[in-house]
């Protein structure tokens, strides 16, 4: 055991055991153990009190020990806090990445769902358009058949008129030229029959009447022939106009039904189409058909009320 004199010398030289332990911990940078330090301090103060000696700056060193211990704990807590913050940042980054991945997946499936809805809605819209077209087709079936038959009849009449024109303008003149002798003989015989009863004593009036009658017999068939050609030409033009008109109406009807099938026409268009379909035929009114103006559109689309 170290005697009091030695302890006093060590204390004066700064070699107290407590101070040495404190200096060792502080120089090593290690956090001191408060339990051991408190036992050493208690032992040191008790011996100092028993020996009635003053500890050299023991309070100052003990305060330094507590300060070092506090700083060590704070440093350790700060290190743990930094580690926890780093882990939290990593977890935050991972969570953000996961949320972004979920958002991307949601956007992808939202697009897929929209495509699926569009894929389902397109056939439904097509079926609805087909149903509307079928309904309109049933309503306008008689009109379609009517104008189709009119176009066919006008086409046949147009062909017949061309045959008649060919007969009158080509065949008949060719026959007349081919049988010119017989034709002249016929007219000569007619003239001879007219003038057969005339004698030299016949008056000039009777002679004039006979000449006029002969002229009428010659010119009347020619006039009737020209008039017949004119009638056939007018019939040809009328058949052409009726055929074109019926084909145009049928084309408008088919176009309207196609627009209804494609859901490109609304009910407001129906009165305009019907007015165009059942307008006056050529030759029975004004042929110039103007497009509907704003007044016509309002008049045709506003429902009328009955009193």
Foldseek 3Di string as FASTA:
>chain_A
DDDPVVCVVCQVVVNHPLSVVLVVCVVVLHQDDVVVSVVSVVVVVVVCVVVVHDGDCPVVSVVVNVVSNVVVVVVVVVVVVVVVVVVVVVVVVVVVVVVVVVVVVVVVVVVVVVVVVVVVVVVVLLVQLVVQLVVVCVVCVVLLVVLVVQLVVLVVLLVVLVVVLCCLVPVVVVVCVVPVVVVVVVLVVVLCVLCVPPDPPDDPVSVVVSVVVSVCVVVVVVVVSVVVSVVSVVSNVLSVQSNVLSVVLSVLSVVVSVCSSVVNDDPLCVQQNVCSNPDDRPPPDDPDDDRDDPVVSVVSRDDDDDD
